[in-house]
Amino acid sequence: MDRPNVDAGDVQWGWTCPLCETDASVRRDPSSGTFRWECDADDCEAVGFGFPSRRRARLALREYRERYENIYR
């Protein structure tokens, strides 16, 4: 199996949305069978989708957050 040697952290619970600092949930998309992360805030439209696993979705969320934080430093 091709897994990057990266710690995904706590894969049971959501992480923080990079745009609004609200919790972001990771769940399976029933229409495609892939995983997606999405911000839990009603007024935030941040979403990532099309990931083959929950772990990959969380890694992508963390990577997006790190890139977003580095833009405004």
PDB file of N, CA and C in Angstrom:
ATOM      1  N   MET A   1       0.841  -1.180   0.000  1.00  0.00           N
ATOM      2  CA  MET A   1       0.000   0.000   0.000  1.00  0.00           C
ATOM      3  C   MET A   1       0.887   1.245   0.000  1.00  0.00           C
ATOM      4  N   ASP A   2       0.525   2.235  -0.769  1.00  0.00           N
ATOM      5  CA  ASP A   2       1.323   3.442  -0.908  1.00  0.00           C
ATOM      6  C   ASP A   2       0.844   4.506   0.078  1.00  0.00           C
ATOM      7  N   ARG A   3       1.463   4.512   1.247  1.00  0.00           N
ATOM      8  CA  ARG A   3       1.101   5.500   2.270  1.00  0.00           C
ATOM      9  C   ARG A   3       2.293   6.399   2.551  1.00  0.00           C
ATOM     10  N   PRO A   4       2.089   7.701   2.543  1.00  0.00           N
ATOM     11  CA  PRO A   4       3.196   8.582   2.904  1.00  0.00           C
ATOM     12  C   PRO A   4       3.522   8.414   4.382  1.00  0.00           C
ATOM     13  N   ASN A   5       4.753   8.623   4.724  1.00  0.00           N
ATOM     14  CA  ASN A   5       5.195   8.470   6.106  1.00  0.00           C
ATOM     15  C   ASN A   5       4.910   9.763   6.871  1.00  0.00           C
ATOM     16  N   VAL A   6       3.637  10.106   6.958  1.00  0.00           N
ATOM     17  CA  VAL A   6       3.197  11.329   7.611  1.00  0.00           C
ATOM     18  C   VAL A   6       2.169  10.955   8.664  1.00  0.00           C
ATOM     19  N   ASP A   7       2.300  11.552   9.854  1.00  0.00           N
ATOM     20  CA  ASP A   7       1.343  11.293  10.923  1.00  0.00           C
ATOM     21  C   ASP A   7       0.067  12.076  10.652  1.00  0.00           C
ATOM     22  N   ALA A   8      -1.047  11.396  10.597  1.00  0.00           N
ATOM     23  CA  ALA A   8      -2.332  12.059  10.345  1.00  0.00           C
ATOM     24  C   ALA A   8      -2.958  12.599  11.612  1.00  0.00           C
ATOM     25  N   GLY A   9      -2.340  12.376  12.752  1.00  0.00           N
ATOM     26  CA  GLY A   9      -2.898  12.872  14.004  1.00  0.00           C
ATOM     27  C   GLY A   9      -4.094  12.049  14.428  1.00  0.00           C
ATOM     28  N   ASP A  10      -4.988  12.668  15.158  1.00  0.00           N
ATOM     29  CA  ASP A  10      -6.182  11.991  15.642  1.00  0.00           C
ATOM     30  C   ASP A  10      -7.184  11.904  14.495  1.00  0.00           C
ATOM     31  N   VAL A  11      -7.342  10.731  13.911  1.00  0.00           N
ATOM     32  CA  VAL A  11      -8.220  10.590  12.757  1.00  0.00           C
ATOM     33  C   VAL A  11      -9.672  10.371  13.142  1.00  0.00           C
ATOM     34  N   GLN A  12      -9.963  10.302  14.428  1.00  0.00           N
ATOM     35  CA  GLN A  12     -11.353  10.094  14.846  1.00  0.00           C
ATOM     36  C   GLN A  12     -12.130  11.407  14.878  1.00  0.00           C
ATOM     37  N   TRP A  13     -11.473  12.491  15.210  1.00  0.00           N
ATOM     38  CA  TRP A  13     -12.159  13.769  15.389  1.00  0.00           C
ATOM     39  C   TRP A  13     -11.767  14.751  14.301  1.00  0.00           C
ATOM     40  N   GLY A  14     -12.615  15.731  14.067  1.00  0.00           N
ATOM     41  CA  GLY A  14     -12.348  16.738  13.048  1.00  0.00           C
ATOM     42  C   GLY A  14     -11.252  17.698  13.454  1.00  0.00           C
ATOM     43  N   TRP A  15     -10.754  18.420  12.498  1.00  0.00           N
ATOM     44  CA  TRP A  15      -9.744  19.438  12.733  1.00  0.00           C
ATOM     45  C   TRP A  15     -10.350  20.799  12.469  1.00  0.00           C
ATOM     46  N   THR A  16      -9.534  21.817  12.471  1.00  0.00           N
ATOM     47  CA  THR A  16     -10.018  23.183  12.363  1.00  0.00           C
ATOM     48  C   THR A  16      -9.989  23.679  10.924  1.00  0.00           C
ATOM     49  N   CYS A  17     -11.041  24.364  10.523  1.00  0.00           N
ATOM     50  CA  CYS A  17     -11.126  24.959   9.193  1.00  0.00           C
ATOM     51  C   CYS A  17     -10.064  26.051   9.069  1.00  0.00           C
ATOM     52  N   PRO A  18      -9.300  26.076   7.986  1.00  0.00           N
ATOM     53  CA  PRO A  18      -8.274  27.096   7.816  1.00  0.00           C
ATOM     54  C   PRO A  18      -8.842  28.488   7.560  1.00  0.00           C
ATOM     55  N   LEU A  19     -10.069  28.587   7.141  1.00  0.00           N
ATOM     56  CA  LEU A  19     -10.634  29.887   6.816  1.00  0.00           C
ATOM     57  C   LEU A  19     -11.296  30.586   7.989  1.00  0.00           C
ATOM     58  N   CYS A  20     -12.005  29.820   8.834  1.00  0.00           N
ATOM     59  CA  CYS A  20     -12.784  30.485   9.892  1.00  0.00           C
ATOM     60  C   CYS A  20     -12.512  29.950  11.298  1.00  0.00           C
ATOM     61  N   GLU A  21     -11.565  29.017  11.437  1.00  0.00           N
ATOM     62  CA  GLU A  21     -11.182  28.474  12.747  1.00  0.00           C
ATOM     63  C   GLU A  21     -12.289  27.672  13.430  1.00  0.00           C
ATOM     64  N   THR A  22     -13.277  27.205  12.687  1.00  0.00           N
ATOM     65  CA  THR A  22     -14.346  26.357  13.214  1.00  0.00           C
ATOM     66  C   THR A  22     -13.968  24.904  12.956  1.00  0.00           C
ATOM     67  N   ASP A  23     -14.563  23.981  13.701  1.00  0.00           N
ATOM     68  CA  ASP A  23     -14.288  22.565  13.464  1.00  0.00           C
ATOM     69  C   ASP A  23     -14.680  22.176  12.044  1.00  0.00           C
ATOM     70  N   ALA A  24     -13.893  21.265  11.470  1.00  0.00           N
ATOM     71  CA  ALA A  24     -14.191  20.723  10.140  1.00  0.00           C
ATOM     72  C   ALA A  24     -14.388  19.215  10.283  1.00  0.00           C
ATOM     73  N   SER A  25     -15.454  18.704   9.723  1.00  0.00           N
ATOM     74  CA  SER A  25     -15.771  17.289   9.807  1.00  0.00           C
ATOM     75  C   SER A  25     -15.297  16.560   8.559  1.00  0.00           C
ATOM     76  N   VAL A  26     -14.917  15.303   8.742  1.00  0.00           N
ATOM     77  CA  VAL A  26     -14.567  14.448   7.618  1.00  0.00           C
ATOM     78  C   VAL A  26     -15.589  13.328   7.578  1.00  0.00           C
ATOM     79  N   ARG A  27     -16.169  13.117   6.403  1.00  0.00           N
ATOM     80  CA  ARG A  27     -17.184  12.073   6.266  1.00  0.00           C
ATOM     81  C   ARG A  27     -17.166  11.517   4.856  1.00  0.00           C
ATOM     82  N   ARG A  28     -17.796  10.377   4.705  1.00  0.00           N
ATOM     83  CA  ARG A  28     -17.891   9.730   3.388  1.00  0.00           C
ATOM     84  C   ARG A  28     -18.975  10.419   2.570  1.00  0.00           C
ATOM     85  N   ASP A  29     -18.675  10.683   1.324  1.00  0.00           N
ATOM     86  CA  ASP A  29     -19.638  11.259   0.397  1.00  0.00           C
ATOM     87  C   ASP A  29     -20.432  10.110  -0.218  1.00  0.00           C
ATOM     88  N   PRO A  30     -21.720   9.967   0.109  1.00  0.00           N
ATOM     89  CA  PRO A  30     -22.494   8.812  -0.354  1.00  0.00           C
ATOM     90  C   PRO A  30     -22.664   8.756  -1.870  1.00  0.00           C
ATOM     91  N   SER A  31     -22.615   9.876  -2.536  1.00  0.00           N
ATOM     92  CA  SER A  31     -22.827   9.860  -3.982  1.00  0.00           C
ATOM     93  C   SER A  31     -21.610   9.356  -4.760  1.00  0.00           C
ATOM     94  N   SER A  32     -20.405   9.558  -4.210  1.00  0.00           N
ATOM     95  CA  SER A  32     -19.203   9.147  -4.933  1.00  0.00           C
ATOM     96  C   SER A  32     -18.433   8.023  -4.249  1.00  0.00           C
ATOM     97  N   GLY A  33     -18.690   7.808  -2.961  1.00  0.00           N
ATOM     98  CA  GLY A  33     -17.961   6.780  -2.225  1.00  0.00           C
ATOM     99  C   GLY A  33     -16.595   7.239  -1.747  1.00  0.00           C
ATOM    100  N   THR A  34     -16.241   8.494  -2.030  1.00  0.00           N
ATOM    101  CA  THR A  34     -14.968   9.041  -1.551  1.00  0.00           C
ATOM    102  C   THR A  34     -15.204   9.807  -0.258  1.00  0.00           C
ATOM    103  N   PHE A  35     -14.135  10.343   0.311  1.00  0.00           N
ATOM    104  CA  PHE A  35     -14.252  11.100   1.558  1.00  0.00           C
ATOM    105  C   PHE A  35     -14.095  12.587   1.280  1.00  0.00           C
ATOM    106  N   ARG A  36     -14.690  13.376   2.154  1.00  0.00           N
ATOM    107  CA  ARG A  36     -14.625  14.826   2.027  1.00  0.00           C
ATOM    108  C   ARG A  36     -14.488  15.456   3.397  1.00  0.00           C
ATOM    109  N   TRP A  37     -13.871  16.618   3.464  1.00  0.00           N
ATOM    110  CA  TRP A  37     -13.893  17.397   4.691  1.00  0.00           C
ATOM    111  C   TRP A  37     -14.684  18.657   4.384  1.00  0.00           C
ATOM    112  N   GLU A  38     -15.409  19.144   5.379  1.00  0.00           N
ATOM    113  CA  GLU A  38     -16.166  20.373   5.194  1.00  0.00           C
ATOM    114  C   GLU A  38     -16.293  21.109   6.514  1.00  0.00           C
ATOM    115  N   CYS A  39     -16.280  22.420   6.419  1.00  0.00           N
ATOM    116  CA  CYS A  39     -16.400  23.264   7.603  1.00  0.00           C
ATOM    117  C   CYS A  39     -17.788  23.095   8.200  1.00  0.00           C
ATOM    118  N   ASP A  40     -17.856  23.066   9.527  1.00  0.00           N
ATOM    119  CA  ASP A  40     -19.133  22.895  10.219  1.00  0.00           C
ATOM    120  C   ASP A  40     -19.912  24.198  10.392  1.00  0.00           C
ATOM    121  N   ALA A  41     -19.270  25.344  10.114  1.00  0.00           N
ATOM    122  CA  ALA A  41     -19.950  26.635  10.256  1.00  0.00           C
ATOM    123  C   ALA A  41     -20.940  26.833   9.112  1.00  0.00           C
ATOM    124  N   ASP A  42     -22.105  27.393   9.418  1.00  0.00           N
ATOM    125  CA  ASP A  42     -23.132  27.604   8.403  1.00  0.00           C
ATOM    126  C   ASP A  42     -22.731  28.641   7.358  1.00  0.00           C
ATOM    127  N   ASP A  43     -21.954  29.651   7.769  1.00  0.00           N
ATOM    128  CA  ASP A  43     -21.614  30.731   6.854  1.00  0.00           C
ATOM    129  C   ASP A  43     -20.273  30.535   6.135  1.00  0.00           C
ATOM    130  N   CYS A  44     -19.613  29.407   6.331  1.00  0.00           N
ATOM    131  CA  CYS A  44     -18.335  29.122   5.666  1.00  0.00           C
ATOM    132  C   CYS A  44     -18.556  28.003   4.648  1.00  0.00           C
ATOM    133  N   GLU A  45     -18.014  28.188   3.458  1.00  0.00           N
ATOM    134  CA  GLU A  45     -18.225  27.216   2.391  1.00  0.00           C
ATOM    135  C   GLU A  45     -16.968  26.405   2.080  1.00  0.00           C
ATOM    136  N   ALA A  46     -15.994  26.360   2.996  1.00  0.00           N
ATOM    137  CA  ALA A  46     -14.753  25.612   2.763  1.00  0.00           C
ATOM    138  C   ALA A  46     -15.041  24.121   2.715  1.00  0.00           C
ATOM    139  N   VAL A  47     -14.514  23.465   1.686  1.00  0.00           N
ATOM    140  CA  VAL A  47     -14.740  22.033   1.512  1.00  0.00           C
ATOM    141  C   VAL A  47     -13.604  21.446   0.687  1.00  0.00           C
ATOM    142  N   GLY A  48     -13.266  20.216   0.977  1.00  0.00           N
ATOM    143  CA  GLY A  48     -12.316  19.454   0.176  1.00  0.00           C
ATOM    144  C   GLY A  48     -12.945  18.100  -0.104  1.00  0.00           C
ATOM    145  N   PHE A  49     -12.828  17.593  -1.313  1.00  0.00           N
ATOM    146  CA  PHE A  49     -13.546  16.358  -1.631  1.00  0.00           C
ATOM    147  C   PHE A  49     -12.743  15.494  -2.597  1.00  0.00           C
ATOM    148  N   GLY A  50     -13.170  14.233  -2.709  1.00  0.00           N
ATOM    149  CA  GLY A  50     -12.564  13.311  -3.659  1.00  0.00           C
ATOM    150  C   GLY A  50     -11.398  12.520  -3.108  1.00  0.00           C
ATOM    151  N   PHE A  51     -11.283  12.394  -1.800  1.00  0.00           N
ATOM    152  CA  PHE A  51     -10.161  11.687  -1.197  1.00  0.00           C
ATOM    153  C   PHE A  51     -10.484  10.202  -1.050  1.00  0.00           C
ATOM    154  N   PRO A  52      -9.504   9.332  -1.312  1.00  0.00           N
ATOM    155  CA  PRO A  52      -9.767   7.897  -1.269  1.00  0.00           C
ATOM    156  C   PRO A  52      -9.953   7.331   0.138  1.00  0.00           C
ATOM    157  N   SER A  53      -9.524   8.075   1.175  1.00  0.00           N
ATOM    158  CA  SER A  53      -9.664   7.582   2.538  1.00  0.00           C
ATOM    159  C   SER A  53      -9.846   8.751   3.498  1.00  0.00           C
ATOM    160  N   ARG A  54     -10.335   8.431   4.680  1.00  0.00           N
ATOM    161  CA  ARG A  54     -10.499   9.443   5.730  1.00  0.00           C
ATOM    162  C   ARG A  54      -9.150  10.038   6.111  1.00  0.00           C
ATOM    163  N   ARG A  55      -8.127   9.189   6.162  1.00  0.00           N
ATOM    164  CA  ARG A  55      -6.779   9.648   6.511  1.00  0.00           C
ATOM    165  C   ARG A  55      -6.267  10.660   5.491  1.00  0.00           C
ATOM    166  N   ARG A  56      -6.449  10.359   4.205  1.00  0.00           N
ATOM    167  CA  ARG A  56      -5.990  11.280   3.150  1.00  0.00           C
ATOM    168  C   ARG A  56      -6.745  12.607   3.216  1.00  0.00           C
ATOM    169  N   ALA A  57      -8.018  12.566   3.557  1.00  0.00           N
ATOM    170  CA  ALA A  57      -8.794  13.799   3.686  1.00  0.00           C
ATOM    171  C   ALA A  57      -8.256  14.646   4.833  1.00  0.00           C
ATOM    172  N   ARG A  58      -7.909  14.022   5.946  1.00  0.00           N
ATOM    173  CA  ARG A  58      -7.366  14.770   7.084  1.00  0.00           C
ATOM    174  C   ARG A  58      -5.984  15.337   6.777  1.00  0.00           C
ATOM    175  N   LEU A  59      -5.159  14.563   6.082  1.00  0.00           N
ATOM    176  CA  LEU A  59      -3.843  15.070   5.686  1.00  0.00           C
ATOM    177  C   LEU A  59      -3.985  16.272   4.752  1.00  0.00           C
ATOM    178  N   ALA A  60      -4.937  16.202   3.830  1.00  0.00           N
ATOM    179  CA  ALA A  60      -5.164  17.311   2.909  1.00  0.00           C
ATOM    180  C   ALA A  60      -5.669  18.542   3.652  1.00  0.00           C
ATOM    181  N   LEU A  61      -6.531  18.350   4.635  1.00  0.00           N
ATOM    182  CA  LEU A  61      -7.033  19.470   5.430  1.00  0.00           C
ATOM    183  C   LEU A  61      -5.894  20.128   6.181  1.00  0.00           C
ATOM    184  N   ARG A  62      -5.016  19.327   6.783  1.00  0.00           N
ATOM    185  CA  ARG A  62      -3.880  19.893   7.505  1.00  0.00           C
ATOM    186  C   ARG A  62      -2.927  20.629   6.559  1.00  0.00           C
ATOM    187  N   GLU A  63      -2.672  20.046   5.387  1.00  0.00           N
ATOM    188  CA  GLU A  63      -1.788  20.685   4.412  1.00  0.00           C
ATOM    189  C   GLU A  63      -2.378  22.005   3.916  1.00  0.00           C
ATOM    190  N   TYR A  64      -3.677  22.010   3.645  1.00  0.00           N
ATOM    191  CA  TYR A  64      -4.347  23.236   3.207  1.00  0.00           C
ATOM    192  C   TYR A  64      -4.256  24.314   4.281  1.00  0.00           C
ATOM    193  N   ARG A  65      -4.448  23.927   5.523  1.00  0.00           N
ATOM    194  CA  ARG A  65      -4.364  24.878   6.632  1.00  0.00           C
ATOM    195  C   ARG A  65      -2.964  25.474   6.740  1.00  0.00           C
ATOM    196  N   GLU A  66      -1.940  24.632   6.619  1.00  0.00           N
ATOM    197  CA  GLU A  66      -0.554  25.119   6.698  1.00  0.00           C
ATOM    198  C   GLU A  66      -0.249  26.072   5.549  1.00  0.00           C
ATOM    199  N   ARG A  67      -0.682  25.743   4.334  1.00  0.00           N
ATOM    200  CA  ARG A  67      -0.456  26.631   3.188  1.00  0.00           C
ATOM    201  C   ARG A  67      -1.209  27.941   3.352  1.00  0.00           C
ATOM    202  N   TYR A  68      -2.439  27.880   3.840  1.00  0.00           N
ATOM    203  CA  TYR A  68      -3.249  29.080   4.019  1.00  0.00           C
ATOM    204  C   TYR A  68      -2.630  29.997   5.065  1.00  0.00           C
ATOM    205  N   GLU A  69      -2.114  29.438   6.160  1.00  0.00           N
ATOM    206  CA  GLU A  69      -1.486  30.244   7.203  1.00  0.00           C
ATOM    207  C   GLU A  69      -0.209  30.905   6.710  1.00  0.00           C
ATOM    208  N   ASN A  70       0.529  30.248   5.827  1.00  0.00           N
ATOM    209  CA  ASN A  70       1.779  30.798   5.325  1.00  0.00           C
ATOM    210  C   ASN A  70       1.577  31.933   4.317  1.00  0.00           C
ATOM    211  N   ILE A  71       0.401  32.044   3.732  1.00  0.00           N
ATOM    212  CA  ILE A  71       0.136  33.099   2.756  1.00  0.00           C
ATOM    213  C   ILE A  71       0.212  34.470   3.404  1.00  0.00           C
ATOM    214  N   TYR A  72      -0.294  34.610   4.597  1.00  0.00           N
ATOM    215  CA  TYR A  72      -0.432  35.926   5.230  1.00  0.00           C
ATOM    216  C   TYR A  72       0.611  36.189   6.305  1.00  0.00           C
ATOM    217  N   ARG A  73       1.723  35.504   6.271  1.00  0.00           N
ATOM    218  CA  ARG A  73       2.777  35.787   7.256  1.00  0.00           C
ATOM    219  C   ARG A  73       3.685  36.870   6.787  1.00  0.00           C
TER     220      ARG A  73
END
